[in-house]
């Protein structure tokens, strides 16, 4: 009977593999429970068992995530025809033996199953390591993306990306305060040159695409844009090309800042300097301006006529020796 069969299997295994731990079960359900609990390296399964037969037991073992990787050898003395063997292999059995069992063949099958199990364990360990690595990298990327979004959404500078044709694929929220548009109004709908002032659009677009065609970095590119309300806004752009592994241009990623106020101030300062210099040039006596170290910074025409055109940069006391 069933107990006698187990005794035979145990004797053969003890002879060929004396160091093996043998776990016995007298029914299909008991075998499933012990397989889940003990995690053996090989399962020997007799097709003829009380209650659940070997086919059903094999099917359930192979359907269970905790034990489906364990090799199964089906053993029977009755169903030795080809169709029975095919059925056993189709439901997941890894090998099929018929009684009476040849001890040498039995031992060889066990050895093959152990090699399969060892290879399976190695693959599962590598897969687990890979899953851990992927999870870690995914977390790092998610954290990096989160940090980028935090910076992008809270910065005064407008951060953007566009594809190789200039169509926006990303825009930070700052665009709304700079040019009055929402990111949704730009992404997938507008090209970067659509925002240019029409009076300069052709010139700026040509200059931009000259750099894009060469995959060059863009540094401090000044461009006049039109706010959604119609106002003119002078922007300064810096950007880098996005290149794939084959060297193909995917688009550009960059940052824009509003330099309208700064430029207006620079113009006002220059106009003021020009006006002041004009006054100094017309006064009826020689005059120079020196710094705290006595170095001449400016001299009007009457001063340079008296002391030479090269007095700027000299120390003032050198003029009176």
C-alpha atoms as a PDB file:
ATOM      1  CA  UNK A   1       0.000   0.000   0.000  1.00  0.00           C
ATOM      2  CA  UNK A   2       0.863   3.644   0.362  1.00  0.00           C
ATOM      3  CA  UNK A   3       3.012   3.140   3.483  1.00  0.00           C
ATOM      4  CA  UNK A   4       4.954   0.323   1.824  1.00  0.00           C
ATOM      5  CA  UNK A   5       5.649   2.508  -1.200  1.00  0.00           C
ATOM      6  CA  UNK A   6       6.938   5.292   1.009  1.00  0.00           C
ATOM      7  CA  UNK A   7       9.229   2.819   2.758  1.00  0.00           C
ATOM      8  CA  UNK A   8      10.691   1.698  -0.597  1.00  0.00           C
ATOM      9  CA  UNK A   9      11.299   5.283  -1.748  1.00  0.00           C
ATOM     10  CA  UNK A  10      12.882   6.127   1.585  1.00  0.00           C
ATOM     11  CA  UNK A  11      15.222   3.125   1.407  1.00  0.00           C
ATOM     12  CA  UNK A  12      16.407   4.000  -2.105  1.00  0.00           C
ATOM     13  CA  UNK A  13      17.000   7.630  -1.176  1.00  0.00           C
ATOM     14  CA  UNK A  14      18.842   6.692   2.020  1.00  0.00           C
ATOM     15  CA  UNK A  15      21.142   4.472  -0.012  1.00  0.00           C
ATOM     16  CA  UNK A  16      22.025   7.018  -2.710  1.00  0.00           C
ATOM     17  CA  UNK A  17      21.618  10.236  -0.711  1.00  0.00           C
ATOM     18  CA  UNK A  18      22.278   9.441   2.965  1.00  0.00           C
ATOM     19  CA  UNK A  19      22.433  13.125   3.937  1.00  0.00           C
ATOM     20  CA  UNK A  20      18.964  13.930   2.616  1.00  0.00           C
ATOM     21  CA  UNK A  21      16.154  14.914   4.957  1.00  0.00           C
ATOM     22  CA  UNK A  22      13.075  12.973   3.897  1.00  0.00           C
ATOM     23  CA  UNK A  23       9.617  14.411   4.603  1.00  0.00           C
ATOM     24  CA  UNK A  24       6.703  11.980   4.186  1.00  0.00           C
ATOM     25  CA  UNK A  25       3.002  12.590   3.577  1.00  0.00           C
ATOM     26  CA  UNK A  26       0.223   9.982   3.096  1.00  0.00           C
ATOM     27  CA  UNK A  27      -2.277  12.167   1.192  1.00  0.00           C
ATOM     28  CA  UNK A  28      -2.292  14.895  -1.427  1.00  0.00           C
ATOM     29  CA  UNK A  29      -3.453  17.666   0.904  1.00  0.00           C
ATOM     30  CA  UNK A  30      -0.938  16.671   3.579  1.00  0.00           C
ATOM     31  CA  UNK A  31       1.780  16.727   0.926  1.00  0.00           C
ATOM     32  CA  UNK A  32       0.779  20.220  -0.213  1.00  0.00           C
ATOM     33  CA  UNK A  33       0.770  21.524   3.359  1.00  0.00           C
ATOM     34  CA  UNK A  34       4.204  20.046   4.107  1.00  0.00           C
ATOM     35  CA  UNK A  35       5.656  21.319   0.826  1.00  0.00           C
ATOM     36  CA  UNK A  36       4.565  24.870   1.670  1.00  0.00           C
ATOM     37  CA  UNK A  37       5.916  24.583   5.203  1.00  0.00           C
ATOM     38  CA  UNK A  38       9.199  22.719   4.541  1.00  0.00           C
ATOM     39  CA  UNK A  39      10.128  23.988   1.030  1.00  0.00           C
ATOM     40  CA  UNK A  40      11.813  20.754  -0.173  1.00  0.00           C
ATOM     41  CA  UNK A  41      14.226  20.588  -3.118  1.00  0.00           C
ATOM     42  CA  UNK A  42      12.329  17.777  -4.906  1.00  0.00           C
ATOM     43  CA  UNK A  43       8.797  16.369  -4.570  1.00  0.00           C
ATOM     44  CA  UNK A  44       8.089  12.661  -5.265  1.00  0.00           C
ATOM     45  CA  UNK A  45       4.408  12.211  -6.015  1.00  0.00           C
ATOM     46  CA  UNK A  46       2.562   8.894  -6.435  1.00  0.00           C
ATOM     47  CA  UNK A  47      -0.401   9.233  -8.792  1.00  0.00           C
ATOM     48  CA  UNK A  48      -2.495   6.711  -6.838  1.00  0.00           C
ATOM     49  CA  UNK A  49      -3.325   8.223  -3.426  1.00  0.00           C
ATOM     50  CA  UNK A  50      -6.394   8.210  -1.200  1.00  0.00           C
ATOM     51  CA  UNK A  51      -8.709  11.151  -1.838  1.00  0.00           C
ATOM     52  CA  UNK A  52      -6.891  13.670  -4.054  1.00  0.00           C
ATOM     53  CA  UNK A  53      -4.871  11.794  -6.717  1.00  0.00           C
ATOM     54  CA  UNK A  54      -1.374  12.677  -7.885  1.00  0.00           C
ATOM     55  CA  UNK A  55      -2.545  14.619 -10.951  1.00  0.00           C
ATOM     56  CA  UNK A  56      -4.717  16.970  -8.894  1.00  0.00           C
ATOM     57  CA  UNK A  57      -2.019  17.319  -6.216  1.00  0.00           C
ATOM     58  CA  UNK A  58       0.579  18.170  -8.874  1.00  0.00           C
ATOM     59  CA  UNK A  59      -1.761  20.713 -10.470  1.00  0.00           C
ATOM     60  CA  UNK A  60      -2.366  22.454  -7.120  1.00  0.00           C
ATOM     61  CA  UNK A  61       1.324  22.488  -6.235  1.00  0.00           C
ATOM     62  CA  UNK A  62       2.234  24.084  -9.579  1.00  0.00           C
ATOM     63  CA  UNK A  63      -0.537  26.654  -9.133  1.00  0.00           C
ATOM     64  CA  UNK A  64       0.725  27.737  -5.701  1.00  0.00           C
ATOM     65  CA  UNK A  65       3.200  30.631  -5.805  1.00  0.00           C
ATOM     66  CA  UNK A  66       5.192  29.391  -2.798  1.00  0.00           C
ATOM     67  CA  UNK A  67       5.976  25.915  -4.200  1.00  0.00           C
ATOM     68  CA  UNK A  68       5.441  26.098  -7.970  1.00  0.00           C
ATOM     69  CA  UNK A  69       9.207  26.272  -8.551  1.00  0.00           C
ATOM     70  CA  UNK A  70       9.915  22.910  -6.856  1.00  0.00           C
ATOM     71  CA  UNK A  71      10.536  20.016  -9.332  1.00  0.00           C
ATOM     72  CA  UNK A  72       7.987  17.166  -9.175  1.00  0.00           C
ATOM     73  CA  UNK A  73       8.550  13.504 -10.142  1.00  0.00           C
ATOM     74  CA  UNK A  74       5.308  11.575 -10.755  1.00  0.00           C
ATOM     75  CA  UNK A  75       5.420   7.850  -9.914  1.00  0.00           C
ATOM     76  CA  UNK A  76       2.880   5.141 -10.761  1.00  0.00           C
ATOM     77  CA  UNK A  77       2.564   1.421 -11.356  1.00  0.00           C
ATOM     78  CA  UNK A  78      -0.749   1.542 -13.229  1.00  0.00           C
ATOM     79  CA  UNK A  79      -1.029   4.485 -15.603  1.00  0.00           C
ATOM     80  CA  UNK A  80       2.096   3.873 -17.635  1.00  0.00           C
ATOM     81  CA  UNK A  81       0.650   4.564 -21.092  1.00  0.00           C
ATOM     82  CA  UNK A  82       1.847   7.524 -23.143  1.00  0.00           C
ATOM     83  CA  UNK A  83      -1.341   9.560 -22.667  1.00  0.00           C
ATOM     84  CA  UNK A  84      -1.004   9.353 -18.866  1.00  0.00           C
ATOM     85  CA  UNK A  85       2.600  10.491 -19.062  1.00  0.00           C
ATOM     86  CA  UNK A  86       1.643  13.387 -21.339  1.00  0.00           C
ATOM     87  CA  UNK A  87      -1.138  14.377 -18.951  1.00  0.00           C
ATOM     88  CA  UNK A  88       1.291  14.397 -16.027  1.00  0.00           C
ATOM     89  CA  UNK A  89       3.822  16.531 -17.896  1.00  0.00           C
ATOM     90  CA  UNK A  90       1.127  18.933 -19.154  1.00  0.00           C
ATOM     91  CA  UNK A  91      -0.083  19.723 -15.636  1.00  0.00           C
ATOM     92  CA  UNK A  92       3.449  20.651 -14.607  1.00  0.00           C
ATOM     93  CA  UNK A  93       5.318  17.487 -13.613  1.00  0.00           C
ATOM     94  CA  UNK A  94       9.037  17.635 -14.383  1.00  0.00           C
ATOM     95  CA  UNK A  95       9.628  13.878 -14.711  1.00  0.00           C
ATOM     96  CA  UNK A  96       7.669  10.624 -14.808  1.00  0.00           C
ATOM     97  CA  UNK A  97       8.722   7.191 -13.398  1.00  0.00           C
ATOM     98  CA  UNK A  98       6.879   3.864 -13.457  1.00  0.00           C
ATOM     99  CA  UNK A  99       7.051   1.074 -10.930  1.00  0.00           C
ATOM    100  CA  UNK A 100       8.870  -1.100 -10.273  1.00  0.00           C
ATOM    101  CA  UNK A 101      11.388   1.673  -9.751  1.00  0.00           C
ATOM    102  CA  UNK A 102      14.939   1.070 -10.921  1.00  0.00           C
ATOM    103  CA  UNK A 103      17.127   2.465  -8.086  1.00  0.00           C
ATOM    104  CA  UNK A 104      19.824   3.802 -10.450  1.00  0.00           C
ATOM    105  CA  UNK A 105      17.287   5.513 -12.716  1.00  0.00           C
ATOM    106  CA  UNK A 106      15.473   6.872  -9.648  1.00  0.00           C
ATOM    107  CA  UNK A 107      18.724   8.313  -8.255  1.00  0.00           C
ATOM    108  CA  UNK A 108      19.611   9.818 -11.660  1.00  0.00           C
ATOM    109  CA  UNK A 109      16.205  11.525 -11.902  1.00  0.00           C
ATOM    110  CA  UNK A 110      16.674  12.964  -8.410  1.00  0.00           C
ATOM    111  CA  UNK A 111      20.090  14.285  -9.426  1.00  0.00           C
ATOM    112  CA  UNK A 112      18.626  15.961 -12.536  1.00  0.00           C
ATOM    113  CA  UNK A 113      15.817  17.518 -10.485  1.00  0.00           C
ATOM    114  CA  UNK A 114      18.344  18.874  -7.978  1.00  0.00           C
ATOM    115  CA  UNK A 115      20.265  20.549 -10.796  1.00  0.00           C
ATOM    116  CA  UNK A 116      17.026  22.062 -12.115  1.00  0.00           C
ATOM    117  CA  UNK A 117      16.133  23.294  -8.627  1.00  0.00           C
ATOM    118  CA  UNK A 118      19.588  24.808  -8.098  1.00  0.00           C
ATOM    119  CA  UNK A 119      19.374  26.641 -11.430  1.00  0.00           C
ATOM    120  CA  UNK A 120      15.837  27.791 -10.621  1.00  0.00           C
ATOM    121  CA  UNK A 121      16.923  29.044  -7.196  1.00  0.00           C
ATOM    122  CA  UNK A 122      19.774  30.991  -8.780  1.00  0.00           C
ATOM    123  CA  UNK A 123      17.433  32.563 -11.322  1.00  0.00           C
ATOM    124  CA  UNK A 124      14.908  33.438  -8.619  1.00  0.00           C
ATOM    125  CA  UNK A 125      17.653  35.017  -6.497  1.00  0.00           C
ATOM    126  CA  UNK A 126      18.893  37.044  -9.478  1.00  0.00           C
ATOM    127  CA  UNK A 127      15.333  38.079 -10.284  1.00  0.00           C
ATOM    128  CA  UNK A 128      14.778  39.149  -6.684  1.00  0.00           C
ATOM    129  CA  UNK A 129      18.029  41.130  -6.677  1.00  0.00           C
ATOM    130  CA  UNK A 130      17.001  42.748  -9.958  1.00  0.00           C
ATOM    131  CA  UNK A 131      13.556  43.593  -8.594  1.00  0.00           C
ATOM    132  CA  UNK A 132      15.158  45.173  -5.527  1.00  0.00           C
ATOM    133  CA  UNK A 133      17.560  47.145  -7.734  1.00  0.00           C
ATOM    134  CA  UNK A 134      14.744  48.274 -10.034  1.00  0.00           C
ATOM    135  CA  UNK A 135      12.638  49.280  -7.018  1.00  0.00           C
ATOM    136  CA  UNK A 136      15.547  51.266  -5.559  1.00  0.00           C
ATOM    137  CA  UNK A 137      16.242  52.997  -8.880  1.00  0.00           C
ATOM    138  CA  UNK A 138      12.541  53.680  -9.358  1.00  0.00           C
ATOM    139  CA  UNK A 139      12.333  55.242  -5.885  1.00  0.00           C
ATOM    140  CA  UNK A 140      15.424  57.332  -6.596  1.00  0.00           C
ATOM    141  CA  UNK A 141      13.948  58.528  -9.898  1.00  0.00           C
ATOM    142  CA  UNK A 142      10.613  59.307  -8.257  1.00  0.00           C
ATOM    143  CA  UNK A 143      12.372  61.254  -5.490  1.00  0.00           C
ATOM    144  CA  UNK A 144      14.503  63.067  -8.057  1.00  0.00           C
ATOM    145  CA  UNK A 145      11.433  63.896 -10.150  1.00  0.00           C
ATOM    146  CA  UNK A 146       9.601  65.078  -7.031  1.00  0.00           C
ATOM    147  CA  UNK A 147      12.507  67.340  -6.043  1.00  0.00           C
ATOM    148  CA  UNK A 148      12.735  68.690  -9.597  1.00  0.00           C
ATOM    149  CA  UNK A 149       9.017  69.443  -9.656  1.00  0.00           C
ATOM    150  CA  UNK A 150       9.226  71.149  -6.269  1.00  0.00           C
ATOM    151  CA  UNK A 151      12.065  73.360  -7.472  1.00  0.00           C
ATOM    152  CA  UNK A 152      10.448  73.985 -10.854  1.00  0.00           C
ATOM    153  CA  UNK A 153       7.042  74.886  -9.472  1.00  0.00           C
ATOM    154  CA  UNK A 154       8.415  77.203  -6.780  1.00  0.00           C
ATOM    155  CA  UNK A 155      11.150  78.940  -8.752  1.00  0.00           C
ATOM    156  CA  UNK A 156      10.709  82.387 -10.270  1.00  0.00           C
ATOM    157  CA  UNK A 157      12.456  81.123 -13.378  1.00  0.00           C
ATOM    158  CA  UNK A 158      10.419  79.400 -16.063  1.00  0.00           C
ATOM    159  CA  UNK A 159      11.638  75.835 -16.669  1.00  0.00           C
ATOM    160  CA  UNK A 160      10.534  74.141 -19.871  1.00  0.00           C
ATOM    161  CA  UNK A 161      11.170  71.400 -22.414  1.00  0.00           C
ATOM    162  CA  UNK A 162      10.321  71.242 -26.098  1.00  0.00           C
ATOM    163  CA  UNK A 163      10.743  68.570 -28.777  1.00  0.00           C
ATOM    164  CA  UNK A 164      13.028  68.763 -31.816  1.00  0.00           C
ATOM    165  CA  UNK A 165      10.380  70.785 -33.659  1.00  0.00           C
ATOM    166  CA  UNK A 166      10.093  73.338 -30.866  1.00  0.00           C
ATOM    167  CA  UNK A 167       6.711  72.126 -29.514  1.00  0.00           C
ATOM    168  CA  UNK A 168       6.502  72.415 -25.739  1.00  0.00           C
ATOM    169  CA  UNK A 169       6.396  69.064 -23.889  1.00  0.00           C
ATOM    170  CA  UNK A 170       6.769  70.482 -20.359  1.00  0.00           C
ATOM    171  CA  UNK A 171       6.297  73.855 -18.680  1.00  0.00           C
ATOM    172  CA  UNK A 172       6.637  74.849 -15.054  1.00  0.00           C
ATOM    173  CA  UNK A 173       3.967  76.952 -13.372  1.00  0.00           C
ATOM    174  CA  UNK A 174       6.181  80.065 -13.512  1.00  0.00           C
ATOM    175  CA  UNK A 175       5.074  80.722 -17.102  1.00  0.00           C
ATOM    176  CA  UNK A 176       1.793  82.057 -15.748  1.00  0.00           C
ATOM    177  CA  UNK A 177       3.440  84.854 -13.758  1.00  0.00           C
ATOM    178  CA  UNK A 178       5.908  85.661 -16.557  1.00  0.00           C
ATOM    179  CA  UNK A 179       3.754  85.540 -19.687  1.00  0.00           C
ATOM    180  CA  UNK A 180       0.224  84.932 -18.407  1.00  0.00           C
ATOM    181  CA  UNK A 181      -0.228  81.459 -19.944  1.00  0.00           C
ATOM    182  CA  UNK A 182      -0.902  78.273 -17.996  1.00  0.00           C
ATOM    183  CA  UNK A 183       1.257  75.188 -18.686  1.00  0.00           C
ATOM    184  CA  UNK A 184      -1.787  73.474 -20.218  1.00  0.00           C
ATOM    185  CA  UNK A 185      -2.073  76.287 -22.766  1.00  0.00           C
ATOM    186  CA  UNK A 186       1.487  75.611 -23.956  1.00  0.00           C
ATOM    187  CA  UNK A 187       2.240  71.886 -23.649  1.00  0.00           C
ATOM    188  CA  UNK A 188       1.435  70.096 -26.874  1.00  0.00           C
ATOM    189  CA  UNK A 189      -0.167  73.261 -28.310  1.00  0.00           C
ATOM    190  CA  UNK A 190       2.446  75.981 -28.812  1.00  0.00           C
ATOM    191  CA  UNK A 191       5.974  76.155 -30.186  1.00  0.00           C
ATOM    192  CA  UNK A 192       8.567  78.320 -28.479  1.00  0.00           C
ATOM    193  CA  UNK A 193       8.577  80.770 -31.385  1.00  0.00           C
ATOM    194  CA  UNK A 194       4.800  81.277 -31.108  1.00  0.00           C
ATOM    195  CA  UNK A 195       5.506  83.483 -28.088  1.00  0.00           C
ATOM    196  CA  UNK A 196       7.975  85.795 -29.864  1.00  0.00           C
ATOM    197  CA  UNK A 197       7.068  89.406 -30.627  1.00  0.00           C
ATOM    198  CA  UNK A 198       5.862  89.326 -34.277  1.00  0.00           C
ATOM    199  CA  UNK A 199       8.181  92.193 -35.136  1.00  0.00           C
ATOM    200  CA  UNK A 200      11.214  90.046 -34.243  1.00  0.00           C
ATOM    201  CA  UNK A 201       9.814  86.548 -34.679  1.00  0.00           C
ATOM    202  CA  UNK A 202      11.440  85.714 -38.036  1.00  0.00           C
ATOM    203  CA  UNK A 203      14.891  86.876 -36.920  1.00  0.00           C
ATOM    204  CA  UNK A 204      14.715  85.164 -33.516  1.00  0.00           C
ATOM    205  CA  UNK A 205      13.316  81.904 -34.931  1.00  0.00           C
ATOM    206  CA  UNK A 206      16.092  81.729 -37.539  1.00  0.00           C
ATOM    207  CA  UNK A 207      18.788  82.358 -34.924  1.00  0.00           C
ATOM    208  CA  UNK A 208      17.289  79.772 -32.554  1.00  0.00           C
ATOM    209  CA  UNK A 209      17.033  77.024 -35.183  1.00  0.00           C
ATOM    210  CA  UNK A 210      20.607  77.664 -36.315  1.00  0.00           C
ATOM    211  CA  UNK A 211      21.729  76.653 -32.833  1.00  0.00           C
ATOM    212  CA  UNK A 212      19.194  73.800 -32.590  1.00  0.00           C
ATOM    213  CA  UNK A 213      20.329  72.294 -35.910  1.00  0.00           C
ATOM    214  CA  UNK A 214      23.876  72.106 -34.542  1.00  0.00           C
ATOM    215  CA  UNK A 215      22.711  70.722 -31.155  1.00  0.00           C
ATOM    216  CA  UNK A 216      24.456  73.616 -29.404  1.00  0.00           C
ATOM    217  CA  UNK A 217      23.946  74.861 -25.876  1.00  0.00           C
ATOM    218  CA  UNK A 218      22.026  78.127 -25.710  1.00  0.00           C
ATOM    219  CA  UNK A 219      23.498  80.766 -23.402  1.00  0.00           C
ATOM    220  CA  UNK A 220      21.810  84.044 -22.458  1.00  0.00           C
ATOM    221  CA  UNK A 221      19.754  84.234 -25.647  1.00  0.00           C
ATOM    222  CA  UNK A 222      17.704  87.446 -25.422  1.00  0.00           C
ATOM    223  CA  UNK A 223      14.270  87.266 -27.041  1.00  0.00           C
ATOM    224  CA  UNK A 224      11.286  89.598 -26.997  1.00  0.00           C
ATOM    225  CA  UNK A 225       7.985  87.871 -26.195  1.00  0.00           C
ATOM    226  CA  UNK A 226       4.340  88.902 -26.025  1.00  0.00           C
ATOM    227  CA  UNK A 227       2.491  88.468 -22.726  1.00  0.00           C
ATOM    228  CA  UNK A 228      -1.024  87.059 -22.926  1.00  0.00           C
ATOM    229  CA  UNK A 229      -2.288  90.568 -22.092  1.00  0.00           C
ATOM    230  CA  UNK A 230      -0.350  92.043 -25.031  1.00  0.00           C
ATOM    231  CA  UNK A 231       2.586  93.524 -23.100  1.00  0.00           C
ATOM    232  CA  UNK A 232       6.122  93.005 -24.360  1.00  0.00           C
ATOM    233  CA  UNK A 233       8.414  90.962 -22.110  1.00  0.00           C
ATOM    234  CA  UNK A 234      12.134  90.606 -22.717  1.00  0.00           C
ATOM    235  CA  UNK A 235      13.306  87.095 -21.766  1.00  0.00           C
ATOM    236  CA  UNK A 236      16.766  85.609 -21.420  1.00  0.00           C
ATOM    237  CA  UNK A 237      17.043  81.923 -22.357  1.00  0.00           C
ATOM    238  CA  UNK A 238      19.649  79.306 -21.448  1.00  0.00           C
ATOM    239  CA  UNK A 239      19.169  75.708 -22.572  1.00  0.00           C
ATOM    240  CA  UNK A 240      20.822  72.379 -23.353  1.00  0.00           C
ATOM    241  CA  UNK A 241      19.987  69.807 -26.045  1.00  0.00           C
ATOM    242  CA  UNK A 242      18.369  66.475 -25.095  1.00  0.00           C
ATOM    243  CA  UNK A 243      20.241  63.749 -27.001  1.00  0.00           C
ATOM    244  CA  UNK A 244      19.353  60.038 -27.161  1.00  0.00           C
ATOM    245  CA  UNK A 245      21.877  57.170 -26.976  1.00  0.00           C
ATOM    246  CA  UNK A 246      22.265  57.222 -30.768  1.00  0.00           C
ATOM    247  CA  UNK A 247      23.160  60.909 -30.804  1.00  0.00           C
ATOM    248  CA  UNK A 248      19.790  61.973 -32.184  1.00  0.00           C
ATOM    249  CA  UNK A 249      18.274  65.245 -31.011  1.00  0.00           C
ATOM    250  CA  UNK A 250      15.072  64.758 -29.017  1.00  0.00           C
ATOM    251  CA  UNK A 251      14.568  68.379 -28.045  1.00  0.00           C
ATOM    252  CA  UNK A 252      15.789  71.010 -25.595  1.00  0.00           C
ATOM    253  CA  UNK A 253      15.471  71.622 -21.871  1.00  0.00           C
ATOM    254  CA  UNK A 254      15.992  75.116 -20.524  1.00  0.00           C
ATOM    255  CA  UNK A 255      15.184  78.050 -18.318  1.00  0.00           C
ATOM    256  CA  UNK A 256      13.926  81.580 -19.005  1.00  0.00           C
ATOM    257  CA  UNK A 257      14.071  84.664 -16.834  1.00  0.00           C
ATOM    258  CA  UNK A 258      12.363  88.036 -17.287  1.00  0.00           C
ATOM    259  CA  UNK A 259      15.039  90.710 -17.853  1.00  0.00           C
ATOM    260  CA  UNK A 260      12.656  93.486 -18.928  1.00  0.00           C
ATOM    261  CA  UNK A 261      13.172  95.646 -15.811  1.00  0.00           C
ATOM    262  CA  UNK A 262      16.924  95.029 -15.757  1.00  0.00           C
ATOM    263  CA  UNK A 263      17.289  96.030 -19.405  1.00  0.00           C
ATOM    264  CA  UNK A 264      15.198  99.164 -18.911  1.00  0.00           C
ATOM    265  CA  UNK A 265      17.371 100.118 -15.952  1.00  0.00           C
ATOM    266  CA  UNK A 266      20.543  99.526 -17.984  1.00  0.00           C
ATOM    267  CA  UNK A 267      19.208 101.789 -20.733  1.00  0.00           C
ATOM    268  CA  UNK A 268      18.323 104.486 -18.203  1.00  0.00           C
ATOM    269  CA  UNK A 269      21.764 104.275 -16.600  1.00  0.00           C
ATOM    270  CA  UNK A 270      23.470 104.485 -19.993  1.00  0.00           C
ATOM    271  CA  UNK A 271      21.358 107.477 -20.976  1.00  0.00           C
ATOM    272  CA  UNK A 272      22.179 109.127 -17.669  1.00  0.00           C
ATOM    273  CA  UNK A 273      25.900 108.459 -18.124  1.00  0.00           C
ATOM    274  CA  UNK A 274      25.784 109.849 -21.663  1.00  0.00           C
ATOM    275  CA  UNK A 275      23.974 112.965 -20.466  1.00  0.00           C
ATOM    276  CA  UNK A 276      26.423 113.530 -17.595  1.00  0.00           C
ATOM    277  CA  UNK A 277      29.395 112.970 -19.847  1.00  0.00           C
ATOM    278  CA  UNK A 278      27.970 115.493 -22.316  1.00  0.00           C
ATOM    279  CA  UNK A 279      27.719 118.093 -19.524  1.00  0.00           C
ATOM    280  CA  UNK A 280      31.279 117.433 -18.354  1.00  0.00           C
ATOM    281  CA  UNK A 281      32.578 117.738 -21.868  1.00  0.00           C
ATOM    282  CA  UNK A 282      31.063 121.217 -22.291  1.00  0.00           C
ATOM    283  CA  UNK A 283      32.139 122.882 -19.028  1.00  0.00           C
ATOM    284  CA  UNK A 284      34.715 125.712 -19.619  1.00  0.00           C
ATOM    285  CA  UNK A 285      37.522 124.277 -17.476  1.00  0.00           C
ATOM    286  CA  UNK A 286      39.513 121.074 -17.171  1.00  0.00           C
ATOM    287  CA  UNK A 287      37.967 118.393 -14.939  1.00  0.00           C
ATOM    288  CA  UNK A 288      38.730 114.810 -14.062  1.00  0.00           C
ATOM    289  CA  UNK A 289      37.123 112.133 -11.871  1.00  0.00           C
ATOM    290  CA  UNK A 290      39.296 109.875  -9.710  1.00  0.00           C
ATOM    291  CA  UNK A 291      38.564 106.898  -7.461  1.00  0.00           C
ATOM    292  CA  UNK A 292      39.519 106.474  -3.796  1.00  0.00           C
ATOM    293  CA  UNK A 293      43.036 105.444  -4.815  1.00  0.00           C
ATOM    294  CA  UNK A 294      43.575 108.553  -6.878  1.00  0.00           C
ATOM    295  CA  UNK A 295      43.299 106.771 -10.221  1.00  0.00           C
ATOM    296  CA  UNK A 296      41.831 108.898 -13.010  1.00  0.00           C
ATOM    297  CA  UNK A 297      38.579 107.411 -14.262  1.00  0.00           C
ATOM    298  CA  UNK A 298      37.431 110.239 -16.541  1.00  0.00           C
ATOM    299  CA  UNK A 299      38.860 113.439 -18.008  1.00  0.00           C
ATOM    300  CA  UNK A 300      37.031 116.005 -20.107  1.00  0.00           C
ATOM    301  CA  UNK A 301      38.562 117.370 -23.362  1.00  0.00           C
ATOM    302  CA  UNK A 302      40.135 120.429 -21.723  1.00  0.00           C
ATOM    303  CA  UNK A 303      41.871 118.134 -19.219  1.00  0.00           C
ATOM    304  CA  UNK A 304      43.198 115.748 -21.880  1.00  0.00           C
ATOM    305  CA  UNK A 305      44.347 118.716 -23.994  1.00  0.00           C
ATOM    306  CA  UNK A 306      46.395 119.910 -21.056  1.00  0.00           C
ATOM    307  CA  UNK A 307      47.821 116.616 -19.820  1.00  0.00           C
ATOM    308  CA  UNK A 308      47.501 114.205 -22.774  1.00  0.00           C
ATOM    309  CA  UNK A 309      44.964 111.641 -23.965  1.00  0.00           C
ATOM    310  CA  UNK A 310      46.549 108.865 -21.861  1.00  0.00           C
ATOM    311  CA  UNK A 311      45.813 110.333 -18.435  1.00  0.00           C
ATOM    312  CA  UNK A 312      42.890 107.957 -17.732  1.00  0.00           C
ATOM    313  CA  UNK A 313      44.295 105.186 -15.573  1.00  0.00           C
ATOM    314  CA  UNK A 314      47.132 107.254 -14.155  1.00  0.00           C
ATOM    315  CA  UNK A 315      47.383 108.444 -10.561  1.00  0.00           C
ATOM    316  CA  UNK A 316      46.304 112.074 -10.283  1.00  0.00           C
ATOM    317  CA  UNK A 317      49.499 113.203  -8.569  1.00  0.00           C
ATOM    318  CA  UNK A 318      51.522 111.964 -11.517  1.00  0.00           C
ATOM    319  CA  UNK A 319      49.954 114.759 -13.588  1.00  0.00           C
ATOM    320  CA  UNK A 320      51.534 117.535 -11.568  1.00  0.00           C
ATOM    321  CA  UNK A 321      55.139 116.459 -11.349  1.00  0.00           C
END
